[in-house]
């Protein structure tokens, strides 16, 4: 499943937690790339990631817990 991470609406986002979440839920993204994606997301630009279908439910819950708005692409 592909997701667009649109924004993070928290006043003071936890960059470390967001980067760890992206690394954990996405397939093929390492720590360095997840930190870069976190910076892009917090600056206000969308980020596209791919999540394995077997982890999709827990991935979406983790994103909601971090107040990350997302849209499902496919």
N, C-alpha and C. Protein backbone atom coordinates (compact mmCIF):
# COMPACT_ATOMS: atom_id res chain seq x y z
N UNK A 1 0.85 -1.16 0.00
CA UNK A 1 0.00 0.00 0.00
C UNK A 1 0.91 1.23 0.00
N UNK A 2 0.55 2.22 -0.81
CA UNK A 2 1.31 3.46 -0.86
C UNK A 2 0.55 4.55 -0.11
N UNK A 3 1.31 5.34 0.64
CA UNK A 3 0.74 6.43 1.43
C UNK A 3 1.44 7.72 1.10
N UNK A 4 0.69 8.79 1.11
CA UNK A 4 1.25 10.14 1.09
C UNK A 4 1.13 10.68 2.50
N UNK A 5 2.24 11.01 3.12
CA UNK A 5 2.21 11.67 4.42
C UNK A 5 2.11 13.15 4.13
N UNK A 6 1.01 13.77 4.55
CA UNK A 6 0.71 15.13 4.14
C UNK A 6 1.24 16.19 5.10
N UNK A 7 1.02 16.01 6.39
CA UNK A 7 1.44 17.02 7.35
C UNK A 7 1.45 16.43 8.75
N UNK A 8 2.09 17.16 9.65
CA UNK A 8 2.10 16.81 11.06
C UNK A 8 1.60 18.03 11.81
N UNK A 9 0.45 17.90 12.47
CA UNK A 9 -0.24 19.04 13.06
C UNK A 9 0.12 19.32 14.51
N UNK A 10 1.15 18.70 15.02
CA UNK A 10 1.56 18.92 16.41
C UNK A 10 2.39 20.19 16.48
N UNK A 11 2.21 20.95 17.54
CA UNK A 11 2.94 22.21 17.69
C UNK A 11 4.45 21.97 17.77
N UNK A 12 4.87 20.98 18.54
CA UNK A 12 6.29 20.64 18.65
C UNK A 12 6.46 19.17 18.33
N UNK A 13 6.59 18.82 17.05
CA UNK A 13 6.66 17.41 16.66
C UNK A 13 7.94 16.73 17.17
N UNK A 14 7.81 15.48 17.54
CA UNK A 14 8.93 14.68 18.00
C UNK A 14 9.61 14.05 16.78
N UNK A 15 10.65 14.70 16.30
CA UNK A 15 11.32 14.26 15.07
C UNK A 15 11.84 12.83 15.19
N UNK A 16 12.39 12.49 16.34
CA UNK A 16 12.94 11.15 16.53
C UNK A 16 11.84 10.09 16.45
N UNK A 17 10.71 10.35 17.07
CA UNK A 17 9.60 9.39 17.04
C UNK A 17 9.03 9.24 15.64
N UNK A 18 8.92 10.34 14.91
CA UNK A 18 8.39 10.30 13.55
C UNK A 18 9.34 9.52 12.65
N UNK A 19 10.64 9.79 12.76
CA UNK A 19 11.63 9.08 11.94
C UNK A 19 11.62 7.59 12.25
N UNK A 20 11.53 7.24 13.53
CA UNK A 20 11.48 5.83 13.92
C UNK A 20 10.23 5.16 13.37
N UNK A 21 9.12 5.86 13.40
CA UNK A 21 7.87 5.31 12.89
C UNK A 21 7.97 5.07 11.38
N UNK A 22 8.51 6.02 10.65
CA UNK A 22 8.65 5.87 9.20
C UNK A 22 9.55 4.69 8.87
N UNK A 23 10.65 4.55 9.60
CA UNK A 23 11.56 3.43 9.38
C UNK A 23 10.87 2.10 9.65
N UNK A 24 10.09 2.05 10.73
CA UNK A 24 9.43 0.82 11.14
C UNK A 24 8.31 0.39 10.19
N UNK A 25 7.50 1.32 9.74
CA UNK A 25 6.31 0.93 8.97
C UNK A 25 6.57 0.82 7.47
N UNK A 26 7.60 1.49 6.97
CA UNK A 26 7.81 1.50 5.52
C UNK A 26 8.77 0.39 5.10
N UNK A 27 8.64 0.01 3.85
CA UNK A 27 9.52 -1.01 3.32
C UNK A 27 10.61 -0.35 2.49
N UNK A 28 11.86 -0.66 2.81
CA UNK A 28 12.98 -0.18 2.04
C UNK A 28 13.49 1.20 2.40
N UNK A 29 13.13 1.71 3.57
CA UNK A 29 13.62 3.03 3.98
C UNK A 29 14.50 2.85 5.21
N UNK A 30 15.73 3.36 5.14
CA UNK A 30 16.67 3.24 6.25
C UNK A 30 16.55 4.45 7.18
N UNK A 31 17.35 4.45 8.24
CA UNK A 31 17.28 5.53 9.24
C UNK A 31 17.59 6.90 8.66
N UNK A 32 18.60 6.97 7.82
CA UNK A 32 19.00 8.25 7.24
C UNK A 32 17.90 8.84 6.37
N UNK A 33 17.32 8.01 5.53
CA UNK A 33 16.25 8.47 4.65
C UNK A 33 15.00 8.84 5.44
N UNK A 34 14.71 8.10 6.49
CA UNK A 34 13.53 8.43 7.31
C UNK A 34 13.71 9.77 8.01
N UNK A 35 14.93 10.09 8.45
CA UNK A 35 15.17 11.40 9.06
C UNK A 35 14.98 12.52 8.03
N UNK A 36 15.44 12.27 6.80
CA UNK A 36 15.26 13.25 5.73
C UNK A 36 13.77 13.44 5.42
N UNK A 37 13.03 12.34 5.34
CA UNK A 37 11.59 12.42 5.11
C UNK A 37 10.89 13.16 6.24
N UNK A 38 11.34 12.95 7.48
CA UNK A 38 10.76 13.64 8.63
C UNK A 38 10.95 15.15 8.50
N UNK A 39 12.14 15.56 8.13
CA UNK A 39 12.41 16.99 7.95
C UNK A 39 11.51 17.58 6.87
N UNK A 40 11.37 16.87 5.76
CA UNK A 40 10.52 17.33 4.65
C UNK A 40 9.07 17.45 5.12
N UNK A 41 8.60 16.44 5.85
CA UNK A 41 7.22 16.43 6.33
C UNK A 41 6.96 17.59 7.29
N UNK A 42 7.86 17.82 8.21
CA UNK A 42 7.67 18.89 9.19
C UNK A 42 7.74 20.27 8.54
N UNK A 43 8.51 20.39 7.47
CA UNK A 43 8.57 21.66 6.74
C UNK A 43 7.29 21.95 5.97
N UNK A 44 6.43 20.94 5.81
CA UNK A 44 5.14 21.16 5.18
C UNK A 44 4.93 20.52 3.83
N UNK A 45 5.91 19.76 3.35
CA UNK A 45 5.76 19.08 2.06
C UNK A 45 5.35 17.63 2.28
N UNK A 46 4.64 17.08 1.30
CA UNK A 46 4.19 15.69 1.38
C UNK A 46 5.33 14.73 1.09
N UNK A 47 5.24 13.54 1.67
CA UNK A 47 6.23 12.48 1.48
C UNK A 47 5.48 11.21 1.12
N UNK A 48 5.95 10.49 0.11
CA UNK A 48 5.32 9.23 -0.29
C UNK A 48 6.15 8.07 0.25
N UNK A 49 5.46 7.12 0.90
CA UNK A 49 6.12 5.91 1.38
C UNK A 49 5.29 4.70 0.98
N UNK A 50 5.91 3.53 1.05
CA UNK A 50 5.19 2.29 0.76
C UNK A 50 5.20 1.43 2.02
N UNK A 51 4.03 0.90 2.36
CA UNK A 51 3.85 0.09 3.55
C UNK A 51 3.41 -1.30 3.11
N UNK A 52 3.97 -2.33 3.74
CA UNK A 52 3.55 -3.69 3.43
C UNK A 52 2.11 -3.88 3.89
N UNK A 53 1.32 -4.58 3.09
CA UNK A 53 -0.10 -4.74 3.38
C UNK A 53 -0.36 -5.42 4.72
N UNK A 54 0.51 -6.34 5.13
CA UNK A 54 0.28 -7.03 6.40
C UNK A 54 0.46 -6.11 7.59
N UNK A 55 1.15 -4.98 7.41
CA UNK A 55 1.37 -4.02 8.50
C UNK A 55 0.52 -2.77 8.38
N UNK A 56 -0.40 -2.75 7.44
CA UNK A 56 -1.11 -1.50 7.14
C UNK A 56 -1.95 -1.00 8.31
N UNK A 57 -2.64 -1.85 9.00
CA UNK A 57 -3.48 -1.41 10.11
C UNK A 57 -2.68 -0.78 11.23
N UNK A 58 -1.61 -1.44 11.64
CA UNK A 58 -0.79 -0.89 12.72
C UNK A 58 -0.03 0.36 12.25
N UNK A 59 0.33 0.41 10.97
CA UNK A 59 1.02 1.60 10.44
C UNK A 59 0.12 2.81 10.49
N UNK A 60 -1.13 2.65 10.10
CA UNK A 60 -2.07 3.77 10.11
C UNK A 60 -2.35 4.24 11.53
N UNK A 61 -2.44 3.31 12.47
CA UNK A 61 -2.63 3.69 13.88
C UNK A 61 -1.42 4.47 14.39
N UNK A 62 -0.23 4.04 14.05
CA UNK A 62 0.98 4.73 14.49
C UNK A 62 1.04 6.15 13.94
N UNK A 63 0.64 6.33 12.69
CA UNK A 63 0.64 7.66 12.09
C UNK A 63 -0.39 8.57 12.77
N UNK A 64 -1.57 8.03 13.06
CA UNK A 64 -2.59 8.83 13.75
C UNK A 64 -2.13 9.21 15.15
N UNK A 65 -1.44 8.30 15.83
CA UNK A 65 -0.94 8.58 17.17
C UNK A 65 0.05 9.73 17.17
N UNK A 66 0.83 9.87 16.09
CA UNK A 66 1.79 10.97 15.97
C UNK A 66 1.19 12.21 15.33
N UNK A 67 -0.13 12.20 15.11
CA UNK A 67 -0.86 13.32 14.49
C UNK A 67 -0.36 13.64 13.09
N UNK A 68 -0.06 12.59 12.33
CA UNK A 68 0.38 12.76 10.95
C UNK A 68 -0.82 12.51 10.04
N UNK A 69 -1.15 13.51 9.23
CA UNK A 69 -2.22 13.36 8.26
C UNK A 69 -1.67 12.62 7.05
N UNK A 70 -2.45 11.71 6.51
CA UNK A 70 -2.00 10.90 5.39
C UNK A 70 -3.15 10.66 4.43
N UNK A 71 -2.82 10.24 3.22
CA UNK A 71 -3.82 9.77 2.28
C UNK A 71 -3.32 8.47 1.67
N UNK A 72 -4.25 7.56 1.43
CA UNK A 72 -3.90 6.29 0.82
C UNK A 72 -3.94 6.45 -0.69
N UNK A 73 -2.82 6.13 -1.34
CA UNK A 73 -2.74 6.25 -2.79
C UNK A 73 -3.28 4.99 -3.46
N UNK A 74 -2.80 3.84 -3.00
CA UNK A 74 -3.27 2.55 -3.52
C UNK A 74 -3.04 1.47 -2.53
